[in-house]
Amino acid sequence: MRELVLVHGRAQEHKDSVALKKEWLDTFREGLGKSGLELPIPEDRVRFPYYGQTLFDLVAGVALDKVAEVVVRGSEEDPQLREFMMDVLDEVLTRKGITDEEVQAEAEAITRGGVIERGPLNWKWVQGVLSAIDRHVPGGSGASIALFTKDVYQYLTNPGLRDVIEAGVRQAMTPGVESVVVSHSLGTVVSYNLLRREGKALGWKVPLYVTVGSPLAISKIRKSLAPNKHPACVGKWFNAMDPDDVVALYPLDERHFPVDPAIENKKDVKNQTSNQHGIAGYLNDKDVAKRIYDALIA
């Protein structure tokens, strides 16, 4: 019997791992119900490595409207983090068609100032960027993207943090046992990096790898994970996204994330969560749930 491994994203701190696993499975069952199906394996064959508390950082206790300032201004001490973050934010602006003029207008409205110099070193400009995302991207949050980007950067560049996160995911995989891996958001970065780097050597067998709400094709993230390869331990790779998901900017296709064999993409998910990125809006999708089901019973 195959196993199911679920790899979550960010913003999961202060949560009970058992309750969080139940939330994922309840949503998965909802998606299965749309095809008249039920969970095909016992729950004890479902692994849910929890690393949310590990990502909890120094913005704890800071009011939501101050979070972005703490994160971005804090990055002044780490020029590489600042560059990474602003590159991602700029790509969000470009992808969503937000112009410099719109950012300038937001910055002027916030600061009541005149023309503001463009660039990551100008906090007033950064405020305009975050506010423009808030205003012009349905369900988008500049603060949330800043936090998400910081977590990705920390995972990619902090060996201690990366080791703790990967240890949990590594323990969830059973060598020699076929396991369907489903990952979301930051979890797609973690799982992809680990599967590609260690999967074959550790004897992992993944007949289907599912990524939802994945940021892997964002330029800065894709380049940080180079060389981009199809994990040798993975049979088929299925990616699903809502076209308005502000984190999953692009499909994982030949143009944006070329690997061999190519990744199958579902680009029309209607994610009903408030930011069109939440896991509930992916696992309850009829097609996504059915693909996972079919892989578990094969």
Foldseek 3Di string as FASTA:
>chain_A
DAAAEEFEAEPCPPHDQVVVLVVLQVLLQLLQVVVPDGDPDDPVSYHYQDDHNLLDDDCPPPDLVCLLVCLLVVCVVPVVLLVQLVLLLVVLCVLLVNDLVQLQVQLCVVVVDDGDDDDSVGVSSLSSSQVSQVPRAQLGGSSVSSSRSSSLVCCLPPVVSVVVRLVRVVVSFDAPHEYAYEYAESSVLSVQLCLQPCVVVRRGAYAEYEYELYQCLSVSNVVSSPPQEDRPRYNAYEYEYECSQSRNVDWCACVRPDYPPTHHYHHHQPQPDRNRRDSSSQSSNNVNSVVVSVVRVD
